[in-house]
C-alpha cells in the first residue's frame, strides 16, 4: 500500500511524461467584439484617481440611472460614461461618487 501511495504521489508531482494538446478552433464569425458606446450616446468623462480597476468602475456605474455604458482607463484613471441626457443628473452622480471617491472630478472638456 505504501508503494502505491508513493507511486501516485510521484506521478502527481512529476507527471506521466505525456503532454495534453487540446486545440479549440473558434471561427471568427461566431465571436462578437465588445464595443464601447455602440449606440453613439453622448459621453461624460470623470477622473477618479483613487479607483483601481475596470471592474470597480463597471460595478459602481451599473446601477446609476442614465448610464448606458461605462469604460475605465486604468492608466489615466478616467471613467468615460455613455449617458442618456434626459435621465442622467451630473450633479447627483458627482455628489454620490465623491462620497465614496473624494478625489473624483469631471474631466476637463476637450477644446
Protein backbone atom coordinates (compact mmCIF):
# COMPACT_ATOMS: atom_id res chain seq x y z
CA UNK A 1 0.00 0.00 0.00
CA UNK A 2 2.84 2.33 0.89
CA UNK A 3 4.42 1.73 -2.53
CA UNK A 4 1.18 2.54 -4.31
CA UNK A 5 0.78 5.82 -2.41
CA UNK A 6 4.41 6.75 -3.12
CA UNK A 7 3.96 5.97 -6.84
CA UNK A 8 0.76 8.06 -7.08
CA UNK A 9 2.39 10.93 -5.22
CA UNK A 10 5.41 10.82 -7.54
CA UNK A 11 3.22 10.80 -10.67
CA UNK A 12 1.28 13.74 -9.30
CA UNK A 13 4.44 15.77 -8.76
CA UNK A 14 6.35 14.70 -11.87
CA UNK A 15 3.54 13.90 -14.26
CA UNK A 16 3.31 10.96 -16.57
CA UNK A 17 5.51 12.50 -19.28
CA UNK A 18 2.75 12.99 -21.84
CA UNK A 19 1.52 16.40 -22.79
CA UNK A 20 -2.09 17.25 -23.26
CA UNK A 21 -2.53 19.11 -26.52
CA UNK A 22 -6.10 20.22 -26.85
CA UNK A 23 -6.73 22.80 -29.54
CA UNK A 24 -10.04 24.57 -29.89
CA UNK A 25 -10.66 26.49 -33.07
CA UNK A 26 -13.41 29.07 -32.78
CA UNK A 27 -14.39 30.63 -36.09
CA UNK A 28 -14.07 34.42 -36.05
CA UNK A 29 -17.63 34.86 -37.31
CA UNK A 30 -19.01 33.29 -34.12
CA UNK A 31 -17.39 35.83 -31.82
CA UNK A 32 -18.78 39.27 -31.09
CA UNK A 33 -16.33 42.03 -30.20
CA UNK A 34 -17.26 44.25 -27.28
CA UNK A 35 -17.59 47.85 -28.39
CA UNK A 36 -17.96 50.77 -26.00
CA UNK A 37 -20.95 53.01 -26.68
CA UNK A 38 -22.01 51.29 -29.89
CA UNK A 39 -25.18 53.43 -29.94
CA UNK A 40 -23.14 56.66 -30.08
CA UNK A 41 -24.71 58.21 -26.96
CA UNK A 42 -23.27 61.45 -25.52
CA UNK A 43 -20.39 60.88 -23.08
CA UNK A 44 -19.14 62.31 -19.82
CA UNK A 45 -15.58 61.81 -18.56
CA UNK A 46 -14.83 61.63 -14.85
CA UNK A 47 -11.34 61.48 -13.35
CA UNK A 48 -11.28 59.09 -10.39
CA UNK A 49 -7.63 58.76 -9.21
CA UNK A 50 -8.50 56.51 -6.26
CA UNK A 51 -10.48 53.98 -8.33
CA UNK A 52 -8.41 50.89 -9.01
CA UNK A 53 -9.86 48.90 -11.87
CA UNK A 54 -12.34 48.45 -14.69
CA UNK A 55 -14.38 46.00 -12.63
CA UNK A 56 -14.80 48.61 -9.87
CA UNK A 57 -15.97 51.23 -12.38
CA UNK A 58 -18.31 48.83 -14.13
CA UNK A 59 -19.87 47.69 -10.86
CA UNK A 60 -20.16 51.23 -9.50
CA UNK A 61 -21.84 52.77 -12.55
CA UNK A 62 -24.01 49.76 -13.47
CA UNK A 63 -26.87 50.90 -11.25
CA UNK A 64 -26.63 54.65 -11.87
CA UNK A 65 -29.70 55.97 -13.66
CA UNK A 66 -28.88 57.37 -17.07
CA UNK A 67 -25.59 55.50 -17.54
CA UNK A 68 -25.87 53.44 -20.73
CA UNK A 69 -22.27 52.18 -20.86
CA UNK A 70 -19.01 52.62 -18.95
CA UNK A 71 -15.36 52.41 -19.92
CA UNK A 72 -12.48 52.92 -17.44
CA UNK A 73 -8.88 53.61 -18.41
CA UNK A 74 -6.68 52.25 -15.63
CA UNK A 75 -3.64 54.25 -16.81
CA UNK A 76 -5.34 57.66 -16.74
CA UNK A 77 -7.95 56.77 -14.08
CA UNK A 78 -10.71 58.24 -16.26
CA UNK A 79 -14.18 56.75 -16.49
CA UNK A 80 -16.00 57.53 -19.73
CA UNK A 81 -19.74 57.18 -19.36
CA UNK A 82 -22.16 56.92 -22.27
CA UNK A 83 -25.28 58.61 -20.97
CA UNK A 84 -28.94 59.21 -21.62
CA UNK A 85 -29.07 63.00 -21.35
CA UNK A 86 -32.69 63.02 -20.21
CA UNK A 87 -32.18 60.77 -17.17
CA UNK A 88 -28.53 61.39 -16.22
CA UNK A 89 -28.06 64.00 -13.49
CA UNK A 90 -24.40 65.05 -13.42
CA UNK A 91 -24.62 66.85 -10.06
CA UNK A 92 -26.38 63.94 -8.36
CA UNK A 93 -23.88 61.42 -9.75
CA UNK A 94 -20.87 63.53 -8.73
CA UNK A 95 -22.25 64.05 -5.20
CA UNK A 96 -22.78 60.31 -4.76
CA UNK A 97 -19.42 59.45 -6.36
CA UNK A 98 -17.46 61.94 -4.22
CA UNK A 99 -18.96 60.47 -1.06
CA UNK A 100 -17.01 57.29 -1.83
CA UNK A 101 -14.20 58.67 -4.04
CA UNK A 102 -13.44 62.14 -2.67
CA UNK A 103 -10.91 62.89 -5.42
CA UNK A 104 -13.41 62.32 -8.28
CA UNK A 105 -13.95 65.27 -10.61
CA UNK A 106 -15.31 65.91 -14.06
CA UNK A 107 -12.53 65.71 -16.63
CA UNK A 108 -11.65 68.89 -18.46
CA UNK A 109 -13.58 69.26 -21.70
CA UNK A 110 -11.53 68.82 -24.87
CA UNK A 111 -11.01 72.04 -26.77
